[in-house]
Amino acid sequence: MRLIETEADLALGAAHLAAVCPVWARVLPRLGPLPLRRSGDGFEAIAQAITGQQISVAAAASIWARMQAAGLVAPEAIAAADDDALRATGLSRPKLRYLKGIAKAGLDWQGLRTLSDDGAIAALVALPGVGTWTAEIYLKFALGRADVLAAGDLALQEAARMLYGLEARPGPAALRAMSQPWRPWRAVAARGLWAYYRQAKGREGIR
């Protein structure tokens, strides 16, 4: 199982992208070093991903900071908290229900490390509020999986449109098709697309 754990891994992936695609070969040097973006795994990582669903990077960071300040990031704390305390951090009612459900689910977080990409995604999407995008973000950053793209991410889609001069933003299926030559380093390509989005738009596409 190929993992991204160091800057050297990112460099290997970037070299592959440049070798298989002249667009990447031209653009990657302009992006500078790609960020490692590794985080710890476990409940807090998926809770942070849930918090960031469908809101801006800045809003997600603000809510997560309030959750940390309130001591509401561990599963035991979230499971025991009343709804008003969670709402006071800025969480929506659906998200607080998701977090409580995940906190009580008892998932074997350590066991996810040994599963295949598809197996880990299947285990995660069985949790309340966890869709494919959230599961793939978890695999990419918490588990360091090297070939996970998160094709449903709008910033990745928009970056691909700009990078390749497309008339329309590619949907998830089209982006997955575009990404086949990037395998087995699609998580490096995603980092490159987010970096390109940041340069082009002047804002982050992912926290």
N, C-alpha and C. Protein backbone atom coordinates (compact mmCIF):
# COMPACT_ATOMS: atom_id res chain seq x y z
N MET A 1 0.85 -1.19 0.00
CA MET A 1 0.00 0.00 0.00
C MET A 1 0.89 1.24 0.00
N ARG A 2 0.78 2.05 -1.03
CA ARG A 2 1.63 3.24 -1.15
C ARG A 2 1.08 4.36 -0.27
N LEU A 3 1.99 4.97 0.52
CA LEU A 3 1.60 6.02 1.43
C LEU A 3 2.40 7.29 1.15
N ILE A 4 1.82 8.41 1.53
CA ILE A 4 2.53 9.69 1.50
C ILE A 4 2.83 10.06 2.94
N GLU A 5 4.10 9.96 3.30
CA GLU A 5 4.51 10.24 4.67
C GLU A 5 5.55 11.34 4.78
N THR A 6 6.27 11.60 3.70
CA THR A 6 7.36 12.58 3.74
C THR A 6 7.34 13.42 2.47
N GLU A 7 8.13 14.49 2.48
CA GLU A 7 8.29 15.32 1.29
C GLU A 7 8.89 14.51 0.14
N ALA A 8 9.72 13.51 0.46
CA ALA A 8 10.30 12.66 -0.58
C ALA A 8 9.21 11.89 -1.32
N ASP A 9 8.17 11.47 -0.61
CA ASP A 9 7.05 10.79 -1.26
C ASP A 9 6.33 11.74 -2.21
N LEU A 10 6.14 12.97 -1.77
CA LEU A 10 5.52 13.96 -2.65
C LEU A 10 6.36 14.19 -3.89
N ALA A 11 7.67 14.23 -3.72
CA ALA A 11 8.56 14.44 -4.87
C ALA A 11 8.46 13.29 -5.86
N LEU A 12 8.36 12.06 -5.37
CA LEU A 12 8.19 10.91 -6.26
C LEU A 12 6.89 11.04 -7.05
N GLY A 13 5.83 11.40 -6.35
CA GLY A 13 4.54 11.56 -7.02
C GLY A 13 4.57 12.68 -8.04
N ALA A 14 5.18 13.79 -7.70
CA ALA A 14 5.27 14.92 -8.63
C ALA A 14 6.08 14.55 -9.86
N ALA A 15 7.14 13.78 -9.67
CA ALA A 15 7.95 13.34 -10.82
C ALA A 15 7.13 12.45 -11.74
N HIS A 16 6.29 11.62 -11.16
CA HIS A 16 5.41 10.77 -11.99
C HIS A 16 4.44 11.63 -12.79
N LEU A 17 3.82 12.61 -12.14
CA LEU A 17 2.87 13.47 -12.85
C LEU A 17 3.55 14.20 -14.00
N ALA A 18 4.73 14.73 -13.75
CA ALA A 18 5.46 15.45 -14.81
C ALA A 18 5.84 14.54 -15.96
N ALA A 19 6.09 13.26 -15.65
CA ALA A 19 6.50 12.32 -16.69
C ALA A 19 5.34 11.90 -17.58
N VAL A 20 4.13 11.85 -17.00
CA VAL A 20 2.99 11.34 -17.78
C VAL A 20 2.15 12.44 -18.41
N CYS A 21 2.38 13.70 -18.01
CA CYS A 21 1.51 14.78 -18.49
C CYS A 21 2.30 16.07 -18.70
N PRO A 22 2.34 16.58 -19.94
CA PRO A 22 3.08 17.82 -20.18
C PRO A 22 2.49 19.03 -19.44
N VAL A 23 1.19 19.01 -19.16
CA VAL A 23 0.59 20.11 -18.41
C VAL A 23 1.16 20.15 -17.00
N TRP A 24 1.21 19.00 -16.33
CA TRP A 24 1.81 18.94 -15.01
C TRP A 24 3.29 19.30 -15.07
N ALA A 25 3.98 18.83 -16.09
CA ALA A 25 5.41 19.14 -16.21
C ALA A 25 5.64 20.64 -16.28
N ARG A 26 4.74 21.37 -16.93
CA ARG A 26 4.87 22.82 -17.05
C ARG A 26 4.48 23.54 -15.77
N VAL A 27 3.43 23.06 -15.10
CA VAL A 27 2.84 23.80 -14.00
C VAL A 27 3.49 23.50 -12.65
N LEU A 28 3.88 22.27 -12.41
CA LEU A 28 4.39 21.91 -11.08
C LEU A 28 5.53 22.81 -10.59
N PRO A 29 6.51 23.16 -11.44
CA PRO A 29 7.57 24.03 -10.93
C PRO A 29 7.08 25.39 -10.46
N ARG A 30 5.97 25.85 -10.99
CA ARG A 30 5.42 27.15 -10.58
C ARG A 30 4.72 27.09 -9.23
N LEU A 31 4.36 25.89 -8.80
CA LEU A 31 3.58 25.75 -7.58
C LEU A 31 4.45 25.72 -6.33
N GLY A 32 5.73 25.45 -6.52
CA GLY A 32 6.61 25.32 -5.36
C GLY A 32 6.39 23.99 -4.67
N PRO A 33 7.02 23.78 -3.52
CA PRO A 33 6.85 22.51 -2.79
C PRO A 33 5.39 22.29 -2.42
N LEU A 34 4.88 21.12 -2.72
CA LEU A 34 3.49 20.81 -2.37
C LEU A 34 3.41 20.49 -0.87
N PRO A 35 2.33 20.88 -0.22
CA PRO A 35 2.22 20.65 1.22
C PRO A 35 1.94 19.19 1.54
N LEU A 36 2.55 18.73 2.62
CA LEU A 36 2.35 17.34 3.04
C LEU A 36 0.91 17.14 3.54
N ARG A 37 0.43 18.08 4.31
CA ARG A 37 -0.96 18.07 4.82
C ARG A 37 -1.33 16.78 5.55
N ARG A 38 -0.40 16.17 6.24
CA ARG A 38 -0.73 14.98 7.02
C ARG A 38 -1.27 15.39 8.39
N SER A 39 -2.24 14.64 8.85
CA SER A 39 -2.81 14.88 10.18
C SER A 39 -2.84 13.56 10.92
N GLY A 40 -3.17 13.62 12.20
CA GLY A 40 -3.39 12.38 12.92
C GLY A 40 -4.67 11.70 12.44
N ASP A 41 -4.79 10.42 12.70
CA ASP A 41 -6.02 9.73 12.32
C ASP A 41 -6.89 9.52 13.56
N GLY A 42 -8.02 8.91 13.36
CA GLY A 42 -8.93 8.66 14.47
C GLY A 42 -10.14 9.57 14.44
N PHE A 43 -10.89 9.55 15.54
CA PHE A 43 -12.15 10.27 15.61
C PHE A 43 -12.00 11.76 15.34
N GLU A 44 -10.98 12.40 15.93
CA GLU A 44 -10.86 13.85 15.78
C GLU A 44 -10.66 14.25 14.32
N ALA A 45 -9.96 13.42 13.56
CA ALA A 45 -9.73 13.74 12.15
C ALA A 45 -11.04 13.71 11.36
N ILE A 46 -11.88 12.71 11.61
CA ILE A 46 -13.15 12.65 10.88
C ILE A 46 -14.10 13.72 11.39
N ALA A 47 -14.03 14.05 12.69
CA ALA A 47 -14.86 15.11 13.24
C ALA A 47 -14.51 16.46 12.59
N GLN A 48 -13.23 16.69 12.36
CA GLN A 48 -12.82 17.94 11.72
C GLN A 48 -13.31 17.97 10.27
N ALA A 49 -13.27 16.82 9.60
CA ALA A 49 -13.78 16.77 8.22
C ALA A 49 -15.28 17.01 8.18
N ILE A 50 -16.02 16.44 9.11
CA ILE A 50 -17.47 16.68 9.19
C ILE A 50 -17.75 18.16 9.42
N THR A 51 -16.99 18.77 10.32
CA THR A 51 -17.17 20.19 10.62
C THR A 51 -17.01 21.05 9.38
N GLY A 52 -16.10 20.66 8.49
CA GLY A 52 -15.82 21.45 7.31
C GLY A 52 -16.71 21.20 6.11
N GLN A 53 -17.65 20.28 6.22
CA GLN A 53 -18.51 19.97 5.08
C GLN A 53 -19.34 21.18 4.66
N GLN A 54 -19.27 21.52 3.37
CA GLN A 54 -20.16 22.49 2.73
C GLN A 54 -20.10 23.90 3.34
N ILE A 55 -18.98 24.24 3.97
CA ILE A 55 -18.77 25.61 4.44
C ILE A 55 -17.37 26.03 4.04
N SER A 56 -17.07 27.31 4.17
CA SER A 56 -15.77 27.80 3.75
C SER A 56 -14.67 27.30 4.68
N VAL A 57 -13.44 27.35 4.19
CA VAL A 57 -12.29 26.94 4.99
C VAL A 57 -12.20 27.79 6.26
N ALA A 58 -12.43 29.11 6.12
CA ALA A 58 -12.34 30.00 7.27
C ALA A 58 -13.42 29.69 8.30
N ALA A 59 -14.64 29.43 7.84
CA ALA A 59 -15.73 29.13 8.77
C ALA A 59 -15.47 27.81 9.50
N ALA A 60 -14.96 26.82 8.76
CA ALA A 60 -14.65 25.53 9.38
C ALA A 60 -13.57 25.67 10.44
N ALA A 61 -12.55 26.46 10.15
CA ALA A 61 -11.47 26.66 11.12
C ALA A 61 -11.98 27.35 12.37
N SER A 62 -12.88 28.30 12.20
CA SER A 62 -13.43 29.03 13.34
C SER A 62 -14.26 28.11 14.24
N ILE A 63 -15.10 27.29 13.62
CA ILE A 63 -15.93 26.37 14.41
C ILE A 63 -15.05 25.35 15.13
N TRP A 64 -14.07 24.81 14.44
CA TRP A 64 -13.20 23.82 15.06
C TRP A 64 -12.43 24.43 16.22
N ALA A 65 -12.00 25.66 16.09
CA ALA A 65 -11.29 26.33 17.19
C ALA A 65 -12.20 26.48 18.40
N ARG A 66 -13.47 26.81 18.17
CA ARG A 66 -14.41 26.93 19.29
C ARG A 66 -14.67 25.57 19.93
N MET A 67 -14.72 24.51 19.12
CA MET A 67 -14.90 23.17 19.67
C MET A 67 -13.71 22.78 20.54
N GLN A 68 -12.50 23.11 20.05
CA GLN A 68 -11.31 22.81 20.85
C GLN A 68 -11.32 23.59 22.16
N ALA A 69 -11.67 24.87 22.09
CA ALA A 69 -11.69 25.69 23.29
C ALA A 69 -12.71 25.18 24.31
N ALA A 70 -13.80 24.60 23.81
CA ALA A 70 -14.85 24.08 24.69
C ALA A 70 -14.56 22.65 25.14
N GLY A 71 -13.47 22.06 24.67
CA GLY A 71 -13.15 20.69 25.03
C GLY A 71 -14.09 19.68 24.40
N LEU A 72 -14.56 19.99 23.17
CA LEU A 72 -15.55 19.14 22.51
C LEU A 72 -14.99 18.55 21.21
N VAL A 73 -13.86 17.87 21.33
CA VAL A 73 -13.29 17.21 20.15
C VAL A 73 -13.09 15.71 20.36
N ALA A 74 -13.04 15.25 21.60
CA ALA A 74 -12.90 13.82 21.87
C ALA A 74 -14.26 13.14 21.77
N PRO A 75 -14.30 11.88 21.35
CA PRO A 75 -15.60 11.22 21.20
C PRO A 75 -16.40 11.16 22.49
N GLU A 76 -15.73 10.94 23.62
CA GLU A 76 -16.44 10.85 24.90
C GLU A 76 -17.09 12.19 25.24
N ALA A 77 -16.37 13.28 24.96
CA ALA A 77 -16.92 14.61 25.27
C ALA A 77 -18.10 14.93 24.39
N ILE A 78 -18.01 14.60 23.11
CA ILE A 78 -19.11 14.90 22.19
C ILE A 78 -20.32 14.03 22.51
N ALA A 79 -20.10 12.77 22.82
CA ALA A 79 -21.22 11.87 23.14
C ALA A 79 -21.97 12.35 24.38
N ALA A 80 -21.23 12.95 25.34
CA ALA A 80 -21.86 13.37 26.59
C ALA A 80 -22.42 14.78 26.54
N ALA A 81 -22.03 15.58 25.54
CA ALA A 81 -22.43 16.98 25.48
C ALA A 81 -23.90 17.12 25.10
N ASP A 82 -24.54 18.17 25.63
CA ASP A 82 -25.91 18.44 25.19
C ASP A 82 -25.88 19.22 23.88
N ASP A 83 -26.99 19.22 23.20
CA ASP A 83 -27.04 19.83 21.88
C ASP A 83 -26.74 21.32 21.92
N ASP A 84 -27.19 22.00 22.98
CA ASP A 84 -26.96 23.44 23.06
C ASP A 84 -25.48 23.77 23.12
N ALA A 85 -24.71 22.97 23.83
CA ALA A 85 -23.27 23.20 23.94
C ALA A 85 -22.60 23.04 22.58
N LEU A 86 -23.03 22.05 21.83
CA LEU A 86 -22.47 21.83 20.50
C LEU A 86 -22.91 22.92 19.53
N ARG A 87 -24.17 23.32 19.64
CA ARG A 87 -24.66 24.38 18.76
C ARG A 87 -23.93 25.70 19.02
N ALA A 88 -23.52 25.90 20.27
CA ALA A 88 -22.85 27.16 20.62
C ALA A 88 -21.50 27.30 19.92
N THR A 89 -20.93 26.20 19.46
CA THR A 89 -19.66 26.28 18.74
C THR A 89 -19.86 26.67 17.28
N GLY A 90 -21.11 26.64 16.81
CA GLY A 90 -21.39 26.96 15.42
C GLY A 90 -21.80 25.76 14.59
N LEU A 91 -21.83 24.59 15.19
CA LEU A 91 -22.25 23.40 14.46
C LEU A 91 -23.74 23.46 14.12
N SER A 92 -24.07 23.01 12.92
CA SER A 92 -25.47 22.89 12.55
C SER A 92 -26.08 21.68 13.27
N ARG A 93 -27.40 21.64 13.31
CA ARG A 93 -28.06 20.50 13.97
C ARG A 93 -27.73 19.18 13.28
N PRO A 94 -27.74 19.10 11.93
CA PRO A 94 -27.35 17.83 11.31
C PRO A 94 -25.93 17.41 11.67
N LYS A 95 -25.00 18.36 11.67
CA LYS A 95 -23.61 18.00 11.96
C LYS A 95 -23.43 17.53 13.40
N LEU A 96 -24.13 18.15 14.35
CA LEU A 96 -23.97 17.68 15.72
C LEU A 96 -24.57 16.28 15.88
N ARG A 97 -25.63 15.98 15.14
CA ARG A 97 -26.19 14.62 15.19
C ARG A 97 -25.19 13.64 14.59
N TYR A 98 -24.57 14.02 13.48
CA TYR A 98 -23.57 13.14 12.86
C TYR A 98 -22.43 12.86 13.84
N LEU A 99 -21.91 13.93 14.47
CA LEU A 99 -20.77 13.76 15.36
C LEU A 99 -21.13 12.89 16.56
N LYS A 100 -22.32 13.07 17.09
CA LYS A 100 -22.74 12.23 18.21
C LYS A 100 -22.88 10.77 17.77
N GLY A 101 -23.43 10.57 16.59
CA GLY A 101 -23.58 9.21 16.09
C GLY A 101 -22.24 8.53 15.86
N ILE A 102 -21.29 9.27 15.29
CA ILE A 102 -19.95 8.71 15.06
C ILE A 102 -19.25 8.45 16.38
N ALA A 103 -19.42 9.34 17.34
CA ALA A 103 -18.78 9.18 18.65
C ALA A 103 -19.26 7.91 19.35
N LYS A 104 -20.50 7.54 19.09
CA LYS A 104 -21.08 6.37 19.76
C LYS A 104 -20.95 5.09 18.92
N ALA A 105 -20.42 5.21 17.69
CA ALA A 105 -20.40 4.06 16.78
C ALA A 105 -19.35 3.02 17.15
N GLY A 106 -18.30 3.44 17.83
CA GLY A 106 -17.27 2.48 18.24
C GLY A 106 -16.46 1.91 17.09
N LEU A 107 -16.21 2.72 16.06
CA LEU A 107 -15.42 2.24 14.93
C LEU A 107 -13.99 1.94 15.36
N ASP A 108 -13.42 0.89 14.81
CA ASP A 108 -12.02 0.53 15.06
C ASP A 108 -11.14 1.41 14.18
N TRP A 109 -10.79 2.59 14.69
CA TRP A 109 -10.02 3.54 13.90
C TRP A 109 -8.64 2.99 13.53
N GLN A 110 -8.01 2.29 14.45
CA GLN A 110 -6.69 1.73 14.16
C GLN A 110 -6.79 0.66 13.08
N GLY A 111 -7.89 -0.10 13.09
CA GLY A 111 -8.07 -1.14 12.10
C GLY A 111 -8.21 -0.59 10.68
N LEU A 112 -8.65 0.66 10.54
CA LEU A 112 -8.76 1.26 9.22
C LEU A 112 -7.41 1.31 8.51
N ARG A 113 -6.34 1.42 9.29
CA ARG A 113 -5.01 1.55 8.69
C ARG A 113 -4.63 0.35 7.85
N THR A 114 -5.19 -0.81 8.17
CA THR A 114 -4.81 -2.04 7.47
C THR A 114 -5.74 -2.37 6.31
N LEU A 115 -6.84 -1.64 6.16
CA LEU A 115 -7.80 -1.92 5.10
C LEU A 115 -7.34 -1.32 3.78
N SER A 116 -7.81 -1.89 2.69
CA SER A 116 -7.59 -1.29 1.37
C SER A 116 -8.30 0.05 1.30
N ASP A 117 -7.97 0.84 0.28
CA ASP A 117 -8.66 2.12 0.12
C ASP A 117 -10.17 1.91 0.06
N ASP A 118 -10.61 0.97 -0.78
CA ASP A 118 -12.06 0.74 -0.92
C ASP A 118 -12.66 0.25 0.39
N GLY A 119 -11.95 -0.61 1.11
CA GLY A 119 -12.46 -1.13 2.37
C GLY A 119 -12.58 -0.06 3.43
N ALA A 120 -11.57 0.81 3.50
CA ALA A 120 -11.62 1.90 4.49
C ALA A 120 -12.72 2.89 4.15
N ILE A 121 -12.89 3.20 2.86
CA ILE A 121 -13.97 4.11 2.46
C ILE A 121 -15.32 3.52 2.80
N ALA A 122 -15.50 2.21 2.55
CA ALA A 122 -16.77 1.56 2.86
C ALA A 122 -17.07 1.62 4.36
N ALA A 123 -16.06 1.41 5.19
CA ALA A 123 -16.26 1.47 6.65
C ALA A 123 -16.64 2.87 7.09
N LEU A 124 -16.04 3.87 6.47
CA LEU A 124 -16.31 5.25 6.86
C LEU A 124 -17.68 5.73 6.40
N VAL A 125 -18.06 5.40 5.17
CA VAL A 125 -19.35 5.91 4.68
C VAL A 125 -20.52 5.22 5.37
N ALA A 126 -20.26 4.15 6.11
CA ALA A 126 -21.32 3.53 6.91
C ALA A 126 -21.64 4.36 8.15
N LEU A 127 -20.78 5.33 8.48
CA LEU A 127 -21.02 6.20 9.63
C LEU A 127 -22.00 7.31 9.26
N PRO A 128 -22.75 7.82 10.23
CA PRO A 128 -23.70 8.91 9.92
C PRO A 128 -22.98 10.17 9.46
N GLY A 129 -23.46 10.74 8.36
CA GLY A 129 -22.93 12.00 7.87
C GLY A 129 -21.64 11.90 7.07
N VAL A 130 -21.11 10.70 6.91
CA VAL A 130 -19.85 10.54 6.17
C VAL A 130 -20.16 10.06 4.76
N GLY A 131 -19.94 10.94 3.79
CA GLY A 131 -20.08 10.56 2.39
C GLY A 131 -18.72 10.23 1.80
N THR A 132 -18.72 10.01 0.50
CA THR A 132 -17.48 9.61 -0.16
C THR A 132 -16.42 10.70 -0.05
N TRP A 133 -16.82 11.99 -0.22
CA TRP A 133 -15.83 13.06 -0.13
C TRP A 133 -15.14 13.07 1.22
N THR A 134 -15.92 13.01 2.30
CA THR A 134 -15.34 13.04 3.64
C THR A 134 -14.44 11.84 3.87
N ALA A 135 -14.88 10.66 3.42
CA ALA A 135 -14.06 9.46 3.59
C ALA A 135 -12.74 9.59 2.82
N GLU A 136 -12.82 10.11 1.62
CA GLU A 136 -11.60 10.23 0.82
C GLU A 136 -10.65 11.28 1.38
N ILE A 137 -11.17 12.36 1.93
CA ILE A 137 -10.32 13.35 2.59
C ILE A 137 -9.62 12.71 3.79
N TYR A 138 -10.34 11.90 4.53
CA TYR A 138 -9.74 11.20 5.67
C TYR A 138 -8.62 10.27 5.21
N LEU A 139 -8.87 9.50 4.18
CA LEU A 139 -7.83 8.60 3.68
C LEU A 139 -6.61 9.37 3.21
N LYS A 140 -6.86 10.48 2.55
CA LYS A 140 -5.76 11.25 1.97
C LYS A 140 -4.86 11.86 3.04
N PHE A 141 -5.47 12.50 4.04
CA PHE A 141 -4.68 13.27 5.01
C PHE A 141 -4.43 12.54 6.32
N ALA A 142 -5.40 11.77 6.81
CA ALA A 142 -5.20 11.07 8.08
C ALA A 142 -4.45 9.75 7.90
N LEU A 143 -4.73 9.05 6.81
CA LEU A 143 -4.06 7.77 6.57
C LEU A 143 -2.93 7.87 5.57
N GLY A 144 -2.83 8.99 4.86
CA GLY A 144 -1.71 9.18 3.95
C GLY A 144 -1.78 8.35 2.68
N ARG A 145 -2.97 7.94 2.28
CA ARG A 145 -3.08 7.10 1.09
C ARG A 145 -2.71 7.91 -0.16
N ALA A 146 -1.92 7.31 -1.03
CA ALA A 146 -1.30 8.04 -2.14
C ALA A 146 -2.17 8.12 -3.38
N ASP A 147 -3.19 7.26 -3.50
CA ASP A 147 -3.94 7.21 -4.76
C ASP A 147 -5.40 7.56 -4.57
N VAL A 148 -5.69 8.45 -3.63
CA VAL A 148 -7.06 8.88 -3.38
C VAL A 148 -7.21 10.32 -3.89
N LEU A 149 -8.24 10.55 -4.70
CA LEU A 149 -8.39 11.85 -5.36
C LEU A 149 -9.40 12.77 -4.70
N ALA A 150 -10.56 12.26 -4.29
CA ALA A 150 -11.71 13.07 -3.84
C ALA A 150 -12.27 13.87 -5.01
N ALA A 151 -12.75 13.14 -6.03
CA ALA A 151 -13.19 13.78 -7.27
C ALA A 151 -14.44 14.64 -7.10
N GLY A 152 -15.16 14.49 -6.00
CA GLY A 152 -16.33 15.32 -5.77
C GLY A 152 -16.02 16.69 -5.22
N ASP A 153 -14.75 16.99 -4.97
CA ASP A 153 -14.35 18.27 -4.41
C ASP A 153 -14.46 19.36 -5.47
N LEU A 154 -15.23 20.41 -5.18
CA LEU A 154 -15.47 21.47 -6.17
C LEU A 154 -14.20 22.25 -6.50
N ALA A 155 -13.34 22.47 -5.52
CA ALA A 155 -12.09 23.19 -5.80
C ALA A 155 -11.19 22.38 -6.72
N LEU A 156 -11.14 21.07 -6.53
CA LEU A 156 -10.35 20.23 -7.43
C LEU A 156 -10.93 20.28 -8.85
N GLN A 157 -12.25 20.24 -8.94
CA GLN A 157 -12.88 20.29 -10.26
C GLN A 157 -12.59 21.61 -10.96
N GLU A 158 -12.70 22.71 -10.23
CA GLU A 158 -12.46 24.03 -10.81
C GLU A 158 -10.98 24.18 -11.19
N ALA A 159 -10.09 23.68 -10.35
CA ALA A 159 -8.67 23.75 -10.66
C ALA A 159 -8.34 22.94 -11.92
N ALA A 160 -8.96 21.78 -12.06
CA ALA A 160 -8.73 20.97 -13.26
C ALA A 160 -9.25 21.69 -14.50
N ARG A 161 -10.40 22.36 -14.36
CA ARG A 161 -10.93 23.12 -15.49
C ARG A 161 -9.95 24.18 -15.94
N MET A 162 -9.43 24.95 -14.98
CA MET A 162 -8.49 26.02 -15.32
C MET A 162 -7.17 25.45 -15.84
N LEU A 163 -6.67 24.44 -15.18
CA LEU A 163 -5.36 23.88 -15.54
C LEU A 163 -5.35 23.34 -16.96
N TYR A 164 -6.43 22.68 -17.35
CA TYR A 164 -6.49 22.05 -18.66
C TYR A 164 -7.27 22.87 -19.69
N GLY A 165 -7.69 24.08 -19.32
CA GLY A 165 -8.37 24.94 -20.26
C GLY A 165 -9.69 24.40 -20.75
N LEU A 166 -10.45 23.77 -19.85
CA LEU A 166 -11.74 23.18 -20.21
C LEU A 166 -12.83 24.24 -20.21
N GLU A 167 -13.84 24.06 -21.04
CA GLU A 167 -14.95 25.00 -21.08
C GLU A 167 -15.82 24.90 -19.83
N ALA A 168 -15.99 23.70 -19.33
CA ALA A 168 -16.86 23.49 -18.17
C ALA A 168 -16.09 22.73 -17.10
N ARG A 169 -16.52 22.92 -15.87
CA ARG A 169 -15.92 22.21 -14.75
C ARG A 169 -16.24 20.72 -14.86
N PRO A 170 -15.26 19.84 -14.80
CA PRO A 170 -15.55 18.41 -14.89
C PRO A 170 -16.24 17.92 -13.62
N GLY A 171 -17.26 17.10 -13.80
CA GLY A 171 -17.91 16.48 -12.66
C GLY A 171 -17.05 15.35 -12.11
N PRO A 172 -17.52 14.70 -11.05
CA PRO A 172 -16.72 13.64 -10.44
C PRO A 172 -16.30 12.53 -11.41
N ALA A 173 -17.24 12.06 -12.23
CA ALA A 173 -16.90 10.98 -13.16
C ALA A 173 -15.86 11.43 -14.18
N ALA A 174 -16.03 12.65 -14.70
CA ALA A 174 -15.08 13.16 -15.69
C ALA A 174 -13.70 13.38 -15.06
N LEU A 175 -13.68 13.87 -13.82
CA LEU A 175 -12.39 14.10 -13.16
C LEU A 175 -11.69 12.78 -12.86
N ARG A 176 -12.46 11.78 -12.46
CA ARG A 176 -11.85 10.46 -12.26
C ARG A 176 -11.26 9.93 -13.55
N ALA A 177 -11.97 10.11 -14.65
CA ALA A 177 -11.44 9.65 -15.94
C ALA A 177 -10.16 10.41 -16.30
N MET A 178 -10.15 11.72 -16.07
CA MET A 178 -8.95 12.51 -16.34
C MET A 178 -7.77 12.05 -15.49
N SER A 179 -8.08 11.57 -14.30
CA SER A 179 -7.02 11.27 -13.33
C SER A 179 -6.37 9.91 -13.53
N GLN A 180 -6.87 9.10 -14.43
CA GLN A 180 -6.32 7.75 -14.55
C GLN A 180 -4.81 7.73 -14.84
N PRO A 181 -4.29 8.61 -15.70
CA PRO A 181 -2.83 8.61 -15.92
C PRO A 181 -2.04 9.04 -14.69
N TRP A 182 -2.68 9.70 -13.75
CA TRP A 182 -1.98 10.18 -12.56
C TRP A 182 -1.74 9.07 -11.54
N ARG A 183 -2.42 7.94 -11.69
CA ARG A 183 -2.27 6.83 -10.75
C ARG A 183 -0.83 6.31 -10.82
N PRO A 184 -0.25 5.88 -9.68
CA PRO A 184 -0.84 5.69 -8.35
C PRO A 184 -0.59 6.87 -7.41
N TRP A 185 -0.54 8.08 -7.95
CA TRP A 185 -0.21 9.26 -7.16
C TRP A 185 -1.30 10.33 -7.27
N ARG A 186 -2.56 9.92 -7.27
CA ARG A 186 -3.61 10.91 -7.44
C ARG A 186 -3.74 11.85 -6.23
N ALA A 187 -3.32 11.40 -5.05
CA ALA A 187 -3.35 12.29 -3.90
C ALA A 187 -2.31 13.40 -4.03
N VAL A 188 -1.22 13.15 -4.74
CA VAL A 188 -0.26 14.21 -5.03
C VAL A 188 -0.86 15.17 -6.05
N ALA A 189 -1.54 14.62 -7.06
CA ALA A 189 -2.21 15.48 -8.04
C ALA A 189 -3.24 16.37 -7.36
N ALA A 190 -3.97 15.83 -6.39
CA ALA A 190 -4.96 16.64 -5.67
C ALA A 190 -4.27 17.80 -4.94
N ARG A 191 -3.14 17.52 -4.31
CA ARG A 191 -2.41 18.60 -3.64
C ARG A 191 -1.98 19.66 -4.66
N GLY A 192 -1.56 19.20 -5.83
CA GLY A 192 -1.18 20.13 -6.88
C GLY A 192 -2.35 20.97 -7.37
N LEU A 193 -3.50 20.34 -7.51
CA LEU A 193 -4.68 21.07 -7.95
C LEU A 193 -5.12 22.09 -6.91
N TRP A 194 -5.08 21.73 -5.64
CA TRP A 194 -5.42 22.69 -4.59
C TRP A 194 -4.43 23.85 -4.58
N ALA A 195 -3.15 23.54 -4.78
CA ALA A 195 -2.15 24.62 -4.83
C ALA A 195 -2.39 25.54 -6.02
N TYR A 196 -2.77 24.96 -7.15
CA TYR A 196 -3.06 25.75 -8.35
C TYR A 196 -4.30 26.62 -8.11
N TYR A 197 -5.31 26.04 -7.46
CA TYR A 197 -6.53 26.79 -7.12
C TYR A 197 -6.19 27.97 -6.22
N ARG A 198 -5.33 27.75 -5.24
CA ARG A 198 -4.95 28.83 -4.32
C ARG A 198 -4.26 29.97 -5.07
N GLN A 199 -3.37 29.62 -5.99
CA GLN A 199 -2.68 30.65 -6.76
C GLN A 199 -3.64 31.40 -7.67
N ALA A 200 -4.56 30.67 -8.31
CA ALA A 200 -5.45 31.29 -9.28
C ALA A 200 -6.55 32.11 -8.62
N LYS A 201 -7.05 31.63 -7.49
CA LYS A 201 -8.23 32.25 -6.85
C LYS A 201 -7.87 33.12 -5.65
N GLY A 202 -6.66 32.96 -5.13
CA GLY A 202 -6.27 33.74 -3.98
C GLY A 202 -6.92 33.29 -2.68
N ARG A 203 -7.39 32.05 -2.64
CA ARG A 203 -7.97 31.51 -1.41
C ARG A 203 -7.76 30.00 -1.39
N GLU A 204 -7.83 29.44 -0.20
CA GLU A 204 -7.63 28.01 -0.05
C GLU A 204 -8.86 27.23 -0.53
N GLY A 205 -8.61 26.09 -1.14
CA GLY A 205 -9.69 25.21 -1.53
C GLY A 205 -9.91 24.09 -0.55
N ILE A 206 -8.96 23.91 0.37
CA ILE A 206 -9.08 22.85 1.37
C ILE A 206 -8.37 23.32 2.62
N ARG A 207 -8.86 22.90 3.76
CA ARG A 207 -8.23 23.30 5.01
C ARG A 207 -6.97 22.50 5.22
